[in-house]
Amino acid sequence: MDRRGLGRPASPALFFPFPSVFIIVLAPQRPPALFPRSRAAHIHGHGLPGPVPAPGATRETAMTDHRPASSPEPPYRLNTVTVRAVWGWLDRAWADICAAPFSSLLYSALFVLLGFGVTGGLLLLDMAWAILPMMGGFLLVGPVLGTGLYEISRIVEAGGPPQPFAALLAFRRAPQGLLFAGLTFTLLLLAWLRFVAVLFALSFPYVGPSWADLVHETLTTLDGAVFVAVSAGVGGAFAVVAFVIGVIALPVMIDQRWDFFRAAHLSLRVVRANPAPLAAWAALIALFVGAGLMMGLIGLVPALMLVGHASWHAYRSLVEFPDPA
């Protein structure tokens, strides 16, 4: 006898000469009227009929709308758009700016002033080498910085008057989720800055911290060319990660009050369903932000307003939720 069975009541099936027959005889029979089986039930594997797609619905739509009745996540539908849809997002973003110019300008200007403060602090600490990586890191935390602009667009879309400080209070829509989002993107930024610090120390072990020495070594030496190339490649990888998990996550958290992890998963699904339009959108974001940085941070004010509002409309175009009853 199996020693592992000691101390427990023996199962009758262990002593029955035909255990499979024993199980079949004693197994409760399922009432056919209460549990009808169909081909859809076999597909979903739950013993119950699966959802019947509406006429013209895609397989993605049918599976997305299938939710248990007790699930806290409302059903949604993923839309597939073309690259031309990006221009529609920008057009509607301009309409939001015209509808709430003061609120959008105030919110964007506050973060530009913060950028000036960070740049001045790095110069005072003789860390001029960190200015450019910190500017590049702006793309990593951009989704979080646009939270207030998403809220302004949400209010304008709902037909309400945008209050001057509504953008600063947007965190109240999903405080815990936005906190986790902020921590996640901050960790990405810190990881990027640590990588650049190590790469700088390895590439320029004898270069002083002054801005003039850094520019000279970066632009006129082979080590400088390697430093720029590796920084650009790794920084691009960090930016792709931030974009994929944040392009839809933050707007959906403001709109549906979701937690960050569920919203990031939805953002990943949206990117997989629309790779070309979102790749074009990511390139335009890099172009707008890069142009704003090259204009001495001042250009970030219109860039932030345009990208923030357009990101809200990208979310609204790519994901559809049912209207609340």
C-alpha atoms as a PDB file:
ATOM      1  CA  MET A   1       0.000   0.000   0.000  1.00  0.00           C
ATOM      2  CA  ASP A   2       1.136   3.556  -0.749  1.00  0.00           C
ATOM      3  CA  ARG A   3       2.816   4.996   2.328  1.00  0.00           C
ATOM      4  CA  ARG A   4       1.554   8.436   1.426  1.00  0.00           C
ATOM      5  CA  GLY A   5      -1.985   7.258   2.163  1.00  0.00           C
ATOM      6  CA  LEU A   6      -1.263   6.521   5.851  1.00  0.00           C
ATOM      7  CA  GLY A   7      -3.257   8.643   8.285  1.00  0.00           C
ATOM      8  CA  ARG A   8      -6.000   9.455   5.747  1.00  0.00           C
ATOM      9  CA  PRO A   9      -9.234   7.607   4.993  1.00  0.00           C
ATOM     10  CA  ALA A  10      -8.693   5.327   2.060  1.00  0.00           C
ATOM     11  CA  SER A  11     -10.615   6.154  -1.087  1.00  0.00           C
ATOM     12  CA  PRO A  12     -13.003   3.408  -2.232  1.00  0.00           C
ATOM     13  CA  ALA A  13     -11.614   3.754  -5.732  1.00  0.00           C
ATOM     14  CA  LEU A  14      -8.233   2.436  -4.561  1.00  0.00           C
ATOM     15  CA  PHE A  15      -9.779  -0.965  -3.665  1.00  0.00           C
ATOM     16  CA  PHE A  16     -12.321  -1.241  -6.434  1.00  0.00           C
ATOM     17  CA  PRO A  17     -11.085  -3.455  -9.272  1.00  0.00           C
ATOM     18  CA  PHE A  18     -12.397  -1.030 -11.915  1.00  0.00           C
ATOM     19  CA  PRO A  19     -11.825   2.465 -10.535  1.00  0.00           C
ATOM     20  CA  SER A  20     -12.914   4.195 -13.720  1.00  0.00           C
ATOM     21  CA  VAL A  21     -16.266   2.417 -13.620  1.00  0.00           C
ATOM     22  CA  PHE A  22     -16.630   3.320  -9.960  1.00  0.00           C
ATOM     23  CA  ILE A  23     -16.059   6.980 -10.735  1.00  0.00           C
ATOM     24  CA  ILE A  24     -18.483   6.979 -13.622  1.00  0.00           C
ATOM     25  CA  VAL A  25     -21.201   5.313 -11.547  1.00  0.00           C
ATOM     26  CA  LEU A  26     -20.837   7.706  -8.614  1.00  0.00           C
ATOM     27  CA  ALA A  27     -20.274  10.894 -10.628  1.00  0.00           C
ATOM     28  CA  PRO A  28     -23.300  13.217 -10.564  1.00  0.00           C
ATOM     29  CA  GLN A  29     -25.069  13.455 -13.868  1.00  0.00           C
ATOM     30  CA  ARG A  30     -25.398  16.933 -15.334  1.00  0.00           C
ATOM     31  CA  PRO A  31     -28.992  17.869 -16.181  1.00  0.00           C
ATOM     32  CA  PRO A  32     -29.019  18.456 -19.937  1.00  0.00           C
ATOM     33  CA  ALA A  33     -31.757  21.084 -19.739  1.00  0.00           C
ATOM     34  CA  LEU A  34     -29.740  23.301 -17.368  1.00  0.00           C
ATOM     35  CA  PHE A  35     -26.373  22.914 -19.068  1.00  0.00           C
ATOM     36  CA  PRO A  36     -26.827  22.834 -22.840  1.00  0.00           C
ATOM     37  CA  ARG A  37     -23.654  22.239 -24.740  1.00  0.00           C
ATOM     38  CA  SER A  38     -22.885  23.691 -28.092  1.00  0.00           C
ATOM     39  CA  ARG A  39     -19.956  24.201 -30.386  1.00  0.00           C
ATOM     40  CA  ALA A  40     -19.383  27.651 -28.892  1.00  0.00           C
ATOM     41  CA  ALA A  41     -19.269  26.073 -25.426  1.00  0.00           C
ATOM     42  CA  HIS A  42     -16.528  23.702 -26.543  1.00  0.00           C
ATOM     43  CA  ILE A  43     -14.600  26.624 -27.970  1.00  0.00           C
ATOM     44  CA  HIS A  44     -14.670  28.603 -24.712  1.00  0.00           C
ATOM     45  CA  GLY A  45     -14.175  25.515 -22.564  1.00  0.00           C
ATOM     46  CA  HIS A  46     -16.561  26.513 -19.785  1.00  0.00           C
ATOM     47  CA  GLY A  47     -19.495  24.203 -20.579  1.00  0.00           C
ATOM     48  CA  LEU A  48     -21.671  27.202 -21.318  1.00  0.00           C
ATOM     49  CA  PRO A  49     -22.501  28.832 -24.630  1.00  0.00           C
ATOM     50  CA  GLY A  50     -20.032  31.527 -25.646  1.00  0.00           C
ATOM     51  CA  PRO A  51     -20.901  35.068 -26.728  1.00  0.00           C
ATOM     52  CA  VAL A  52     -22.610  35.409 -30.072  1.00  0.00           C
ATOM     53  CA  PRO A  53     -20.806  38.067 -32.127  1.00  0.00           C
ATOM     54  CA  ALA A  54     -22.927  40.832 -33.527  1.00  0.00           C
ATOM     55  CA  PRO A  55     -23.180  41.106 -37.314  1.00  0.00           C
ATOM     56  CA  GLY A  56     -19.956  42.579 -38.653  1.00  0.00           C
ATOM     57  CA  ALA A  57     -18.097  42.188 -35.350  1.00  0.00           C
ATOM     58  CA  THR A  58     -14.535  40.930 -35.462  1.00  0.00           C
ATOM     59  CA  ARG A  59     -13.126  38.125 -33.403  1.00  0.00           C
ATOM     60  CA  GLU A  60     -11.173  40.641 -31.348  1.00  0.00           C
ATOM     61  CA  THR A  61     -14.338  42.569 -30.558  1.00  0.00           C
ATOM     62  CA  ALA A  62     -16.281  39.466 -29.564  1.00  0.00           C
ATOM     63  CA  MET A  63     -13.568  38.244 -27.217  1.00  0.00           C
ATOM     64  CA  THR A  64     -13.015  41.681 -25.723  1.00  0.00           C
ATOM     65  CA  ASP A  65     -16.676  42.155 -24.916  1.00  0.00           C
ATOM     66  CA  HIS A  66     -16.854  38.758 -23.164  1.00  0.00           C
ATOM     67  CA  ARG A  67     -16.755  39.542 -19.442  1.00  0.00           C
ATOM     68  CA  PRO A  68     -18.097  37.627 -16.435  1.00  0.00           C
ATOM     69  CA  ALA A  69     -21.054  39.343 -14.827  1.00  0.00           C
ATOM     70  CA  SER A  70     -19.100  39.799 -11.590  1.00  0.00           C
ATOM     71  CA  SER A  71     -15.995  41.280 -13.249  1.00  0.00           C
ATOM     72  CA  PRO A  72     -15.214  44.868 -12.174  1.00  0.00           C
ATOM     73  CA  GLU A  73     -13.779  45.649 -15.600  1.00  0.00           C
ATOM     74  CA  PRO A  74     -16.405  47.049 -17.969  1.00  0.00           C
ATOM     75  CA  PRO A  75     -16.512  45.694 -21.510  1.00  0.00           C
ATOM     76  CA  TYR A  76     -14.659  47.669 -24.126  1.00  0.00           C
ATOM     77  CA  ARG A  77     -13.887  47.436 -27.805  1.00  0.00           C
ATOM     78  CA  LEU A  78     -10.530  47.950 -29.473  1.00  0.00           C
ATOM     79  CA  ASN A  79     -10.633  49.863 -32.738  1.00  0.00           C
ATOM     80  CA  THR A  80      -8.212  49.566 -35.610  1.00  0.00           C
ATOM     81  CA  VAL A  81      -7.304  52.856 -37.283  1.00  0.00           C
ATOM     82  CA  THR A  82      -5.018  54.005 -40.081  1.00  0.00           C
ATOM     83  CA  VAL A  83      -2.037  56.323 -39.921  1.00  0.00           C
ATOM     84  CA  ARG A  84      -4.204  59.163 -41.190  1.00  0.00           C
ATOM     85  CA  ALA A  85      -6.120  59.078 -37.917  1.00  0.00           C
ATOM     86  CA  VAL A  86      -3.124  60.723 -36.223  1.00  0.00           C
ATOM     87  CA  TRP A  87      -3.888  64.009 -37.960  1.00  0.00           C
ATOM     88  CA  GLY A  88      -7.428  63.856 -36.629  1.00  0.00           C
ATOM     89  CA  TRP A  89      -6.062  63.530 -33.085  1.00  0.00           C
ATOM     90  CA  LEU A  90      -3.955  66.656 -33.612  1.00  0.00           C
ATOM     91  CA  ASP A  91      -6.899  68.536 -35.088  1.00  0.00           C
ATOM     92  CA  ARG A  92      -9.102  67.748 -32.088  1.00  0.00           C
ATOM     93  CA  ALA A  93      -6.209  68.638 -29.767  1.00  0.00           C
ATOM     94  CA  TRP A  94      -6.094  72.110 -31.298  1.00  0.00           C
ATOM     95  CA  ALA A  95      -9.850  72.427 -30.718  1.00  0.00           C
ATOM     96  CA  ASP A  96      -9.309  71.581 -27.028  1.00  0.00           C
ATOM     97  CA  ILE A  97      -6.556  74.197 -26.759  1.00  0.00           C
ATOM     98  CA  CYS A  98      -8.891  76.800 -28.227  1.00  0.00           C
ATOM     99  CA  ALA A  99     -11.670  75.725 -25.829  1.00  0.00           C
ATOM    100  CA  ALA A 100      -9.448  75.929 -22.736  1.00  0.00           C
ATOM    101  CA  PRO A 101      -6.425  78.086 -23.599  1.00  0.00           C
ATOM    102  CA  PHE A 102      -5.676  79.426 -20.141  1.00  0.00           C
ATOM    103  CA  SER A 103      -5.897  76.068 -18.336  1.00  0.00           C
ATOM    104  CA  SER A 104      -3.735  74.308 -20.939  1.00  0.00           C
ATOM    105  CA  LEU A 105      -1.161  77.093 -21.001  1.00  0.00           C
ATOM    106  CA  LEU A 106      -0.930  77.317 -17.212  1.00  0.00           C
ATOM    107  CA  TYR A 107      -0.473  73.592 -16.747  1.00  0.00           C
ATOM    108  CA  SER A 108       2.198  73.281 -19.465  1.00  0.00           C
ATOM    109  CA  ALA A 109       4.073  76.379 -18.301  1.00  0.00           C
ATOM    110  CA  LEU A 110       4.381  74.991 -14.766  1.00  0.00           C
ATOM    111  CA  PHE A 111       6.287  71.954 -16.000  1.00  0.00           C
ATOM    112  CA  VAL A 112       8.511  74.065 -18.228  1.00  0.00           C
ATOM    113  CA  LEU A 113       9.417  76.188 -15.192  1.00  0.00           C
ATOM    114  CA  LEU A 114      10.195  72.965 -13.349  1.00  0.00           C
ATOM    115  CA  GLY A 115      12.502  72.010 -16.217  1.00  0.00           C
ATOM    116  CA  PHE A 116      14.370  75.299 -15.864  1.00  0.00           C
ATOM    117  CA  GLY A 117      14.767  74.652 -12.147  1.00  0.00           C
ATOM    118  CA  VAL A 118      16.193  71.163 -12.706  1.00  0.00           C
ATOM    119  CA  THR A 119      18.626  72.464 -15.337  1.00  0.00           C
ATOM    120  CA  GLY A 120      19.844  75.218 -13.029  1.00  0.00           C
ATOM    121  CA  GLY A 121      20.287  72.772 -10.169  1.00  0.00           C
ATOM    122  CA  LEU A 122      22.417  70.447 -12.308  1.00  0.00           C
ATOM    123  CA  LEU A 123      24.650  73.355 -13.314  1.00  0.00           C
ATOM    124  CA  LEU A 124      25.103  74.396  -9.690  1.00  0.00           C
ATOM    125  CA  LEU A 125      26.069  70.815  -8.790  1.00  0.00           C
ATOM    126  CA  ASP A 126      28.660  70.659 -11.630  1.00  0.00           C
ATOM    127  CA  MET A 127      26.624  67.933 -13.308  1.00  0.00           C
ATOM    128  CA  ALA A 128      26.363  69.495 -16.744  1.00  0.00           C
ATOM    129  CA  TRP A 129      26.787  66.061 -18.312  1.00  0.00           C
ATOM    130  CA  ALA A 130      23.375  65.079 -16.898  1.00  0.00           C
ATOM    131  CA  ILE A 131      21.439  67.908 -18.574  1.00  0.00           C
ATOM    132  CA  LEU A 132      21.003  66.220 -21.952  1.00  0.00           C
ATOM    133  CA  PRO A 133      20.125  62.793 -20.459  1.00  0.00           C
ATOM    134  CA  MET A 134      17.604  64.507 -18.188  1.00  0.00           C
ATOM    135  CA  MET A 135      16.058  66.214 -21.201  1.00  0.00           C
ATOM    136  CA  GLY A 136      15.896  62.873 -22.969  1.00  0.00           C
ATOM    137  CA  GLY A 137      14.301  61.413 -19.864  1.00  0.00           C
ATOM    138  CA  PHE A 138      11.459  63.859 -20.373  1.00  0.00           C
ATOM    139  CA  LEU A 139      10.050  61.373 -22.889  1.00  0.00           C
ATOM    140  CA  LEU A 140      10.023  58.688 -20.186  1.00  0.00           C
ATOM    141  CA  VAL A 141       7.842  60.628 -17.747  1.00  0.00           C
ATOM    142  CA  GLY A 142       5.827  62.438 -20.416  1.00  0.00           C
ATOM    143  CA  PRO A 143       2.720  60.238 -20.059  1.00  0.00           C
ATOM    144  CA  VAL A 144       2.452  61.165 -16.375  1.00  0.00           C
ATOM    145  CA  LEU A 145       3.082  64.862 -17.003  1.00  0.00           C
ATOM    146  CA  GLY A 146       0.174  64.954 -19.432  1.00  0.00           C
ATOM    147  CA  THR A 147      -2.359  63.830 -16.820  1.00  0.00           C
ATOM    148  CA  GLY A 148      -3.779  67.300 -16.285  1.00  0.00           C
ATOM    149  CA  LEU A 149      -4.220  67.865 -20.009  1.00  0.00           C
ATOM    150  CA  TYR A 150      -6.156  64.593 -20.276  1.00  0.00           C
ATOM    151  CA  GLU A 151      -8.484  65.870 -17.579  1.00  0.00           C
ATOM    152  CA  ILE A 152      -9.017  69.154 -19.430  1.00  0.00           C
ATOM    153  CA  SER A 153      -9.890  67.269 -22.616  1.00  0.00           C
ATOM    154  CA  ARG A 154     -12.261  65.018 -20.676  1.00  0.00           C
ATOM    155  CA  ILE A 155     -14.098  68.024 -19.248  1.00  0.00           C
ATOM    156  CA  VAL A 156     -14.289  69.750 -22.632  1.00  0.00           C
ATOM    157  CA  GLU A 157     -15.593  66.571 -24.245  1.00  0.00           C
ATOM    158  CA  ALA A 158     -18.277  66.257 -21.562  1.00  0.00           C
ATOM    159  CA  GLY A 159     -19.404  69.813 -22.280  1.00  0.00           C
ATOM    160  CA  GLY A 160     -18.363  71.217 -18.915  1.00  0.00           C
ATOM    161  CA  PRO A 161     -16.467  74.466 -18.361  1.00  0.00           C
ATOM    162  CA  PRO A 162     -12.755  73.754 -17.742  1.00  0.00           C
ATOM    163  CA  GLN A 163     -11.701  75.346 -14.458  1.00  0.00           C
ATOM    164  CA  PRO A 164      -8.242  76.978 -14.312  1.00  0.00           C
ATOM    165  CA  PHE A 165      -6.905  74.500 -11.740  1.00  0.00           C
ATOM    166  CA  ALA A 166      -8.823  71.413 -12.861  1.00  0.00           C
ATOM    167  CA  ALA A 167      -5.660  69.996 -14.427  1.00  0.00           C
ATOM    168  CA  LEU A 168      -3.771  70.166 -11.126  1.00  0.00           C
ATOM    169  CA  LEU A 169      -6.516  68.184  -9.386  1.00  0.00           C
ATOM    170  CA  ALA A 170      -6.668  65.429 -11.996  1.00  0.00           C
ATOM    171  CA  PHE A 171      -4.941  62.995  -9.627  1.00  0.00           C
ATOM    172  CA  ARG A 172      -8.184  62.738  -7.656  1.00  0.00           C
ATOM    173  CA  ARG A 173      -9.698  60.704 -10.486  1.00  0.00           C
ATOM    174  CA  ALA A 174      -7.484  57.684  -9.700  1.00  0.00           C
ATOM    175  CA  PRO A 175      -5.070  58.551  -6.881  1.00  0.00           C
ATOM    176  CA  GLN A 176      -3.657  55.081  -6.199  1.00  0.00           C
ATOM    177  CA  GLY A 177      -3.323  54.164  -9.855  1.00  0.00           C
ATOM    178  CA  LEU A 178      -1.614  57.440 -10.707  1.00  0.00           C
ATOM    179  CA  LEU A 179       0.734  56.972  -7.770  1.00  0.00           C
ATOM    180  CA  PHE A 180       1.832  53.570  -9.077  1.00  0.00           C
ATOM    181  CA  ALA A 181       2.163  55.026 -12.568  1.00  0.00           C
ATOM    182  CA  GLY A 182       4.334  57.846 -11.270  1.00  0.00           C
ATOM    183  CA  LEU A 183       6.568  55.429  -9.393  1.00  0.00           C
ATOM    184  CA  THR A 184       6.900  53.169 -12.442  1.00  0.00           C
ATOM    185  CA  PHE A 185       7.913  55.939 -14.824  1.00  0.00           C
ATOM    186  CA  THR A 186      10.202  57.486 -12.210  1.00  0.00           C
ATOM    187  CA  LEU A 187      12.011  54.158 -11.857  1.00  0.00           C
ATOM    188  CA  LEU A 188      12.442  54.091 -15.631  1.00  0.00           C
ATOM    189  CA  LEU A 189      13.923  57.589 -15.484  1.00  0.00           C
ATOM    190  CA  LEU A 190      16.302  56.693 -12.645  1.00  0.00           C
ATOM    191  CA  ALA A 191      17.426  53.533 -14.442  1.00  0.00           C
ATOM    192  CA  TRP A 192      18.131  55.589 -17.567  1.00  0.00           C
ATOM    193  CA  LEU A 193      20.113  58.233 -15.639  1.00  0.00           C
ATOM    194  CA  ARG A 194      22.152  55.547 -13.851  1.00  0.00           C
ATOM    195  CA  PHE A 195      23.004  53.906 -17.149  1.00  0.00           C
ATOM    196  CA  VAL A 196      24.140  57.224 -18.656  1.00  0.00           C
ATOM    197  CA  ALA A 197      26.246  58.008 -15.573  1.00  0.00           C
ATOM    198  CA  VAL A 198      28.086  54.673 -15.844  1.00  0.00           C
ATOM    199  CA  LEU A 199      28.507  55.029 -19.609  1.00  0.00           C
ATOM    200  CA  PHE A 200      29.855  58.568 -19.197  1.00  0.00           C
ATOM    201  CA  ALA A 201      32.375  57.460 -16.579  1.00  0.00           C
ATOM    202  CA  LEU A 202      33.585  54.651 -18.850  1.00  0.00           C
ATOM    203  CA  SER A 203      33.724  56.798 -21.996  1.00  0.00           C
ATOM    204  CA  PHE A 204      35.313  59.937 -20.522  1.00  0.00           C
ATOM    205  CA  PRO A 205      37.327  58.953 -17.439  1.00  0.00           C
ATOM    206  CA  TYR A 206      39.567  62.026 -17.666  1.00  0.00           C
ATOM    207  CA  VAL A 207      37.075  64.672 -18.775  1.00  0.00           C
ATOM    208  CA  GLY A 208      36.104  67.400 -16.351  1.00  0.00           C
ATOM    209  CA  PRO A 209      32.494  68.192 -15.496  1.00  0.00           C
ATOM    210  CA  SER A 210      32.413  71.486 -17.403  1.00  0.00           C
ATOM    211  CA  TRP A 211      29.983  71.928 -20.258  1.00  0.00           C
ATOM    212  CA  ALA A 212      32.722  73.039 -22.682  1.00  0.00           C
ATOM    213  CA  ASP A 213      34.839  69.909 -22.066  1.00  0.00           C
ATOM    214  CA  LEU A 214      31.822  67.663 -22.476  1.00  0.00           C
ATOM    215  CA  VAL A 215      30.792  69.205 -25.792  1.00  0.00           C
ATOM    216  CA  HIS A 216      34.367  69.058 -27.125  1.00  0.00           C
ATOM    217  CA  GLU A 217      34.923  65.399 -26.226  1.00  0.00           C
ATOM    218  CA  THR A 218      31.501  64.317 -27.421  1.00  0.00           C
ATOM    219  CA  LEU A 219      31.688  65.962 -30.826  1.00  0.00           C
ATOM    220  CA  THR A 220      35.373  65.554 -31.722  1.00  0.00           C
ATOM    221  CA  THR A 221      36.471  62.126 -30.452  1.00  0.00           C
ATOM    222  CA  LEU A 222      35.708  58.514 -31.310  1.00  0.00           C
ATOM    223  CA  ASP A 223      34.761  57.821 -27.692  1.00  0.00           C
ATOM    224  CA  GLY A 224      32.280  60.650 -27.945  1.00  0.00           C
ATOM    225  CA  ALA A 225      30.696  59.167 -31.057  1.00  0.00           C
ATOM    226  CA  VAL A 226      30.362  55.781 -29.329  1.00  0.00           C
ATOM    227  CA  PHE A 227      28.866  57.471 -26.276  1.00  0.00           C
ATOM    228  CA  VAL A 228      26.257  59.274 -28.373  1.00  0.00           C
ATOM    229  CA  ALA A 229      25.363  56.167 -30.392  1.00  0.00           C
ATOM    230  CA  VAL A 230      24.990  53.865 -27.380  1.00  0.00           C
ATOM    231  CA  SER A 231      23.070  56.489 -25.420  1.00  0.00           C
ATOM    232  CA  ALA A 232      20.690  57.049 -28.307  1.00  0.00           C
ATOM    233  CA  GLY A 233      20.063  53.321 -28.775  1.00  0.00           C
ATOM    234  CA  VAL A 234      19.474  52.499 -25.123  1.00  0.00           C
ATOM    235  CA  GLY A 235      17.511  55.691 -24.550  1.00  0.00           C
ATOM    236  CA  GLY A 236      15.300  54.805 -27.489  1.00  0.00           C
ATOM    237  CA  ALA A 237      14.616  51.386 -25.955  1.00  0.00           C
ATOM    238  CA  PHE A 238      13.618  53.025 -22.660  1.00  0.00           C
ATOM    239  CA  ALA A 239      11.355  55.447 -24.539  1.00  0.00           C
ATOM    240  CA  VAL A 240       9.640  52.594 -26.409  1.00  0.00           C
ATOM    241  CA  VAL A 241       8.864  50.827 -23.137  1.00  0.00           C
ATOM    242  CA  ALA A 242       7.449  54.014 -21.618  1.00  0.00           C
ATOM    243  CA  PHE A 243       5.358  54.680 -24.723  1.00  0.00           C
ATOM    244  CA  VAL A 244       3.924  51.164 -24.999  1.00  0.00           C
ATOM    245  CA  ILE A 245       2.739  50.975 -21.400  1.00  0.00           C
ATOM    246  CA  GLY A 246       1.679  54.608 -21.120  1.00  0.00           C
ATOM    247  CA  VAL A 247       0.190  55.789 -24.413  1.00  0.00           C
ATOM    248  CA  ILE A 248      -3.319  54.673 -23.400  1.00  0.00           C
ATOM    249  CA  ALA A 249      -2.833  53.797 -19.719  1.00  0.00           C
ATOM    250  CA  LEU A 250      -2.916  57.287 -18.240  1.00  0.00           C
ATOM    251  CA  PRO A 251      -5.937  58.557 -20.217  1.00  0.00           C
ATOM    252  CA  VAL A 252      -7.954  55.428 -19.399  1.00  0.00           C
ATOM    253  CA  MET A 253      -7.087  55.832 -15.717  1.00  0.00           C
ATOM    254  CA  ILE A 254      -8.431  59.391 -15.809  1.00  0.00           C
ATOM    255  CA  ASP A 255     -11.536  58.353 -17.715  1.00  0.00           C
ATOM    256  CA  GLN A 256     -12.432  54.965 -16.184  1.00  0.00           C
ATOM    257  CA  ARG A 257     -10.563  55.225 -12.840  1.00  0.00           C
ATOM    258  CA  TRP A 258      -8.677  51.996 -13.511  1.00  0.00           C
ATOM    259  CA  ASP A 259      -5.599  50.798 -11.644  1.00  0.00           C
ATOM    260  CA  PHE A 260      -2.273  51.199 -13.414  1.00  0.00           C
ATOM    261  CA  PHE A 261      -1.525  47.540 -14.149  1.00  0.00           C
ATOM    262  CA  ARG A 262      -4.854  46.893 -15.846  1.00  0.00           C
ATOM    263  CA  ALA A 263      -4.535  50.134 -17.816  1.00  0.00           C
ATOM    264  CA  ALA A 264      -0.971  49.287 -18.884  1.00  0.00           C
ATOM    265  CA  HIS A 265      -2.169  45.899 -20.137  1.00  0.00           C
ATOM    266  CA  LEU A 266      -4.861  47.615 -22.194  1.00  0.00           C
ATOM    267  CA  SER A 267      -2.244  50.007 -23.581  1.00  0.00           C
ATOM    268  CA  LEU A 268      -0.126  47.046 -24.684  1.00  0.00           C
ATOM    269  CA  ARG A 269      -3.121  45.475 -26.439  1.00  0.00           C
ATOM    270  CA  VAL A 270      -3.883  48.731 -28.243  1.00  0.00           C
ATOM    271  CA  VAL A 271      -0.307  49.012 -29.504  1.00  0.00           C
ATOM    272  CA  ARG A 272      -0.389  45.422 -30.757  1.00  0.00           C
ATOM    273  CA  ALA A 273      -3.644  46.100 -32.599  1.00  0.00           C
ATOM    274  CA  ASN A 274      -2.418  49.395 -34.157  1.00  0.00           C
ATOM    275  CA  PRO A 275       1.369  49.200 -34.610  1.00  0.00           C
ATOM    276  CA  ALA A 276       1.693  51.522 -37.619  1.00  0.00           C
ATOM    277  CA  PRO A 277      -0.482  54.444 -36.415  1.00  0.00           C
ATOM    278  CA  LEU A 278       1.051  54.401 -32.950  1.00  0.00           C
ATOM    279  CA  ALA A 279       4.573  54.175 -34.362  1.00  0.00           C
ATOM    280  CA  ALA A 280       3.788  57.296 -36.386  1.00  0.00           C
ATOM    281  CA  TRP A 281       2.343  58.942 -33.281  1.00  0.00           C
ATOM    282  CA  ALA A 282       5.462  58.088 -31.255  1.00  0.00           C
ATOM    283  CA  ALA A 283       7.661  59.613 -33.979  1.00  0.00           C
ATOM    284  CA  LEU A 284       5.596  62.816 -33.926  1.00  0.00           C
ATOM    285  CA  ILE A 285       5.840  63.007 -30.139  1.00  0.00           C
ATOM    286  CA  ALA A 286       9.633  62.708 -30.358  1.00  0.00           C
ATOM    287  CA  LEU A 287       9.662  65.389 -33.068  1.00  0.00           C
ATOM    288  CA  PHE A 288       7.506  67.849 -31.113  1.00  0.00           C
ATOM    289  CA  VAL A 289       9.343  67.330 -27.819  1.00  0.00           C
ATOM    290  CA  GLY A 290      12.769  67.436 -29.495  1.00  0.00           C
ATOM    291  CA  ALA A 291      11.891  70.709 -31.219  1.00  0.00           C
ATOM    292  CA  GLY A 292      10.663  72.136 -27.928  1.00  0.00           C
ATOM    293  CA  LEU A 293      13.885  71.155 -26.146  1.00  0.00           C
ATOM    294  CA  MET A 294      16.042  72.664 -28.887  1.00  0.00           C
ATOM    295  CA  MET A 295      14.196  75.957 -28.445  1.00  0.00           C
ATOM    296  CA  GLY A 296      15.554  76.270 -24.906  1.00  0.00           C
ATOM    297  CA  LEU A 297      12.627  74.556 -23.165  1.00  0.00           C
ATOM    298  CA  ILE A 298      10.273  77.401 -24.107  1.00  0.00           C
ATOM    299  CA  GLY A 299       9.070  75.408 -27.082  1.00  0.00           C
ATOM    300  CA  LEU A 300       7.888  72.686 -24.697  1.00  0.00           C
ATOM    301  CA  VAL A 301       4.858  74.775 -23.768  1.00  0.00           C
ATOM    302  CA  PRO A 302       3.030  74.371 -27.101  1.00  0.00           C
ATOM    303  CA  ALA A 303       4.493  70.874 -27.540  1.00  0.00           C
ATOM    304  CA  LEU A 304       3.088  69.711 -24.208  1.00  0.00           C
ATOM    305  CA  MET A 305      -0.326  71.170 -24.923  1.00  0.00           C
ATOM    306  CA  LEU A 306      -0.554  69.599 -28.369  1.00  0.00           C
ATOM    307  CA  VAL A 307       0.779  66.164 -27.384  1.00  0.00           C
ATOM    308  CA  GLY A 308      -1.239  65.971 -24.161  1.00  0.00           C
ATOM    309  CA  HIS A 309      -4.599  66.796 -25.717  1.00  0.00           C
ATOM    310  CA  ALA A 310      -3.919  64.661 -28.792  1.00  0.00           C
ATOM    311  CA  SER A 311      -3.057  61.682 -26.565  1.00  0.00           C
ATOM    312  CA  TRP A 312      -6.506  61.901 -25.009  1.00  0.00           C
ATOM    313  CA  HIS A 313      -8.141  61.797 -28.427  1.00  0.00           C
ATOM    314  CA  ALA A 314      -5.889  58.921 -29.463  1.00  0.00           C
ATOM    315  CA  TYR A 315      -7.283  56.975 -26.519  1.00  0.00           C
ATOM    316  CA  ARG A 316     -10.862  57.889 -27.375  1.00  0.00           C
ATOM    317  CA  SER A 317     -10.324  56.846 -30.973  1.00  0.00           C
ATOM    318  CA  LEU A 318      -8.681  53.504 -30.188  1.00  0.00           C
ATOM    319  CA  VAL A 319     -10.813  52.282 -27.273  1.00  0.00           C
ATOM    320  CA  GLU A 320     -14.591  52.436 -26.929  1.00  0.00           C
ATOM    321  CA  PHE A 321     -16.420  51.973 -23.650  1.00  0.00           C
ATOM    322  CA  PRO A 322     -20.190  51.655 -23.328  1.00  0.00           C
ATOM    323  CA  ASP A 323     -22.030  54.772 -22.286  1.00  0.00           C
ATOM    324  CA  PRO A 324     -22.884  54.683 -18.565  1.00  0.00           C
ATOM    325  CA  ALA A 325     -26.501  53.752 -17.921  1.00  0.00           C
END
